Structure formats: structure tokens, C-alpha cells
């Protein structure tokens, strides 16, 4: 898993992000999360264009945790909420959460939990650079209502992050 600092606003917060393929135990992971035995975000890999998209969502989530302004129950569900273009919490789980049979997933956790998390996931940890091949760009464009003219002048990840941020003012 790759480690990331969340910058000057959250200098003490470091997260780890891992891309897994051929995962065989999503149902078990989801159960452990709902029981409170595993503190991670499980993200549908097909919906993520770039790591930057996750870092924006995580930074916002951890900032809201510090400020006691979470809109969801945990900082990890807040990451899913922040990825979504919708303000509906239940919709973010459908769009960005994994189903029981998902094979390509992204795990986001606190850096100091990353080694124990690795042992929980039954799948292959692969390079985050493979997101480019796994991401369903057409589905992402449709979800965020991004036009071809927008991506002709800005990278898709910039368009996506703009839509993620814009939901706050809709």
C-alpha cells in the first residue's frame, strides 16, 4: 500500500491506499467494517480515475473528523460520501462502495493500520498506476455529467474533482 500525507491542514494524518485485484472476500470485509472490527474505506476501483481523487475525498473527510463535522458515521464512510457527486448518503454507497462479489477494490486506511489491513484482504495488491486500466472512464463521465468538451481542455481527474467539490454549493 502506498502512503500519503494529507498536507498542511492535517500534518499528523497519514493514510495508506492500496489497489487490489482478484479479491475474494469482499463480503467478509464489509461485515468486519459494519461490526466495527475493521476501520477502512472499501472503494469500487472502477469509479476512481486517479489517486488524487481519493486524496481530495480523504483530506476533506479527515478534516471534517477533526472539526467534528462528519455527515456520516465514520471518517471512512465520509470518504465515500465525498467521492460522490450526490448529497444523498445512501447513494454514495451504491455508487462507490463495493458489492459482495467485487474483484477490483481500493482500500483506504490510516497508515499505521496498513500492515494489518493487508493481511485481511484476500487478493493481489497491485500498483496504483493500474487504476488507469481499471477505471471505467465512460461511466465516470456519465456519473459526474462531464462532457467531451470539458475533457478536451482539462484532464478527467480535474473535471471529476471539480464536480466533487461543487456538490457543496448545489
Protein backbone atom coordinates (compact mmCIF):
# COMPACT_ATOMS: atom_id res chain seq x y z
CA UNK A 1 0.00 0.00 0.00
CA UNK A 2 1.20 3.50 -0.78
CA UNK A 3 1.37 6.11 1.99
CA UNK A 4 0.27 9.72 1.68
CA UNK A 5 0.36 12.73 3.98
CA UNK A 6 -2.75 14.87 3.94
CA UNK A 7 -0.85 18.12 3.79
CA UNK A 8 -0.50 21.26 5.84
CA UNK A 9 -4.06 21.29 7.22
CA UNK A 10 -3.61 17.78 8.62
CA UNK A 11 0.15 17.31 9.14
CA UNK A 12 -0.30 14.45 11.59
CA UNK A 13 -2.61 12.41 9.38
CA UNK A 14 -1.13 9.85 7.03
CA UNK A 15 -3.20 7.40 5.06
CA UNK A 16 -2.44 4.31 3.03
CA UNK A 17 -4.13 3.48 -0.24
CA UNK A 18 -4.00 0.07 -1.86
CA UNK A 19 -5.40 -1.21 -5.12
CA UNK A 20 -6.31 -4.90 -5.05
CA UNK A 21 -7.45 -7.20 -7.83
CA UNK A 22 -8.80 -10.75 -7.75
CA UNK A 23 -10.33 -10.07 -4.32
CA UNK A 24 -12.35 -12.98 -2.99
CA UNK A 25 -13.57 -11.81 0.43
CA UNK A 26 -15.43 -8.51 -0.01
CA UNK A 27 -18.45 -9.86 1.86
CA UNK A 28 -16.28 -10.70 4.89
CA UNK A 29 -14.53 -7.32 4.76
CA UNK A 30 -17.86 -5.48 4.67
CA UNK A 31 -19.10 -7.49 7.66
CA UNK A 32 -15.97 -6.64 9.67
CA UNK A 33 -16.42 -2.97 8.81
CA UNK A 34 -20.08 -2.96 9.86
CA UNK A 35 -19.18 -4.72 13.12
CA UNK A 36 -16.51 -2.08 13.81
CA UNK A 37 -13.66 -4.60 13.62
CA UNK A 38 -12.02 -3.06 10.55
CA UNK A 39 -11.54 0.68 10.03
CA UNK A 40 -11.15 1.13 6.28
CA UNK A 41 -12.93 2.51 3.26
CA UNK A 42 -13.64 -0.02 0.53
CA UNK A 43 -13.97 1.78 -2.79
CA UNK A 44 -15.12 0.46 -6.15
CA UNK A 45 -11.94 0.74 -8.23
CA UNK A 46 -13.82 1.21 -11.50
CA UNK A 47 -15.05 4.61 -10.26
CA UNK A 48 -11.64 6.10 -9.45
CA UNK A 49 -9.76 7.97 -12.17
CA UNK A 50 -6.66 8.85 -10.19
CA UNK A 51 -5.24 8.71 -6.68
CA UNK A 52 -5.69 12.49 -6.45
CA UNK A 53 -9.47 11.95 -6.45
CA UNK A 54 -9.12 9.74 -3.34
CA UNK A 55 -6.73 12.17 -1.66
CA UNK A 56 -9.21 15.03 -2.06
CA UNK A 57 -12.04 12.94 -0.61
CA UNK A 58 -9.86 11.67 2.26
CA UNK A 59 -8.47 15.10 3.10
CA UNK A 60 -11.96 16.53 3.33
CA UNK A 61 -13.16 13.56 5.41
CA UNK A 62 -10.30 13.71 7.92
CA UNK A 63 -10.64 17.50 8.18
CA UNK A 64 -14.35 17.10 8.95
CA UNK A 65 -13.48 14.45 11.53
CA UNK A 66 -11.09 16.86 13.31
CA UNK A 67 -13.70 19.63 13.16
CA UNK A 68 -16.45 17.22 14.33
CA UNK A 69 -18.47 17.93 11.18
CA UNK A 70 -18.86 14.44 9.70
CA UNK A 71 -22.06 13.94 7.74
CA UNK A 72 -21.72 10.15 8.02
CA UNK A 73 -20.91 7.86 10.95
CA UNK A 74 -17.21 7.36 10.32
CA UNK A 75 -14.34 9.07 8.56
CA UNK A 76 -14.16 6.12 6.15
CA UNK A 77 -17.80 6.35 5.09
CA UNK A 78 -17.22 10.09 4.77
CA UNK A 79 -14.59 9.32 2.11
CA UNK A 80 -17.25 7.53 0.04
CA UNK A 81 -19.64 10.42 0.60
CA UNK A 82 -17.03 12.93 -0.55
CA UNK A 83 -16.36 10.96 -3.74
CA UNK A 84 -20.00 11.15 -4.73
CA UNK A 85 -21.49 13.97 -6.78
CA UNK A 86 -24.72 13.48 -4.81
CA UNK A 87 -25.60 14.75 -1.35
CA UNK A 88 -27.53 11.54 -0.62
CA UNK A 89 -25.56 9.32 1.74
CA UNK A 90 -27.27 6.08 0.68
CA UNK A 91 -26.46 6.81 -2.96
CA UNK A 92 -22.74 7.17 -2.28
CA UNK A 93 -22.60 3.59 -1.00
CA UNK A 94 -24.27 2.30 -4.17
CA UNK A 95 -22.00 4.32 -6.45
CA UNK A 96 -18.64 3.98 -4.70
CA UNK A 97 -18.98 1.14 -2.21
CA UNK A 98 -18.10 -2.39 -3.20
CA UNK A 99 -20.57 -5.22 -3.58
CA UNK A 100 -20.04 -8.67 -2.08
CA UNK A 101 -18.51 -10.06 -5.27
CA UNK A 102 -16.26 -7.14 -6.27
CA UNK A 103 -12.86 -8.22 -7.53
CA UNK A 104 -11.16 -4.83 -8.02
CA UNK A 105 -11.19 -2.69 -4.90
CA UNK A 106 -9.33 0.20 -3.36
CA UNK A 107 -8.66 0.17 0.36
CA UNK A 108 -8.08 3.42 2.24
CA UNK A 109 -6.93 3.28 5.86
CA UNK A 110 -4.77 5.09 8.36
CA UNK A 111 -1.10 4.44 7.59
CA UNK A 112 -0.42 2.77 10.93
CA UNK A 113 -3.20 0.21 10.19
CA UNK A 114 -1.95 -0.70 6.72
CA UNK A 115 0.03 -3.83 7.61
CA UNK A 116 -2.89 -5.42 9.47
CA UNK A 117 -5.27 -4.45 6.68
CA UNK A 118 -3.05 -6.15 4.10
CA UNK A 119 -3.47 -9.45 5.92
CA UNK A 120 -7.28 -9.07 5.90
CA UNK A 121 -7.70 -8.65 2.13
CA UNK A 122 -7.64 -11.87 0.12
CA UNK A 123 -6.44 -10.57 -3.21
CA UNK A 124 -3.41 -9.21 -5.03
CA UNK A 125 -2.04 -5.83 -4.03
CA UNK A 126 -1.11 -4.14 -7.32
CA UNK A 127 0.33 -0.78 -8.33
CA UNK A 128 -1.98 2.23 -8.16
CA UNK A 129 -0.80 3.06 -11.66
CA UNK A 130 -3.15 0.29 -12.87
CA UNK A 131 -6.13 2.49 -11.98
CA UNK A 132 -5.89 3.91 -15.48
CA UNK A 133 -6.70 0.47 -16.91
CA UNK A 134 -9.34 -0.47 -14.32
CA UNK A 135 -11.30 2.79 -14.25
CA UNK A 136 -14.49 2.87 -16.32
CA UNK A 137 -13.96 6.37 -17.70
CA UNK A 138 -17.23 6.45 -19.64
CA UNK A 139 -19.22 5.55 -16.53
CA UNK A 140 -17.33 8.17 -14.51
CA UNK A 141 -18.08 10.86 -17.15
CA UNK A 142 -21.75 9.89 -17.11
CA UNK A 143 -21.98 9.89 -13.31
CA UNK A 144 -20.32 13.30 -12.91
CA UNK A 145 -22.04 14.68 -16.06
CA UNK A 146 -18.73 15.54 -17.70
CA UNK A 147 -18.86 16.42 -21.38
CA UNK A 148 -16.32 15.67 -24.09
CA UNK A 149 -15.69 19.41 -24.45
CA UNK A 150 -14.66 19.55 -20.77
CA UNK A 151 -12.16 16.71 -21.08
CA UNK A 152 -10.77 18.25 -24.24
CA UNK A 153 -9.43 21.17 -22.17
CA UNK A 154 -8.84 19.55 -18.74
CA UNK A 155 -7.76 16.11 -17.56
CA UNK A 156 -10.65 13.88 -16.49
CA UNK A 157 -9.45 13.80 -12.88
CA UNK A 158 -9.63 17.62 -12.70
CA UNK A 159 -13.18 17.56 -14.04
CA UNK A 160 -14.16 14.87 -11.51
CA UNK A 161 -12.63 16.69 -8.53
CA UNK A 162 -14.35 19.92 -9.60
CA UNK A 163 -17.70 18.10 -9.57
CA UNK A 164 -16.94 16.54 -6.18
CA UNK A 165 -16.25 19.95 -4.70
CA UNK A 166 -19.16 21.63 -6.49
CA UNK A 167 -21.72 19.43 -4.73
CA UNK A 168 -21.27 21.59 -1.64
CA UNK A 169 -22.71 24.61 -3.45
CA UNK A 170 -25.51 22.88 -5.35
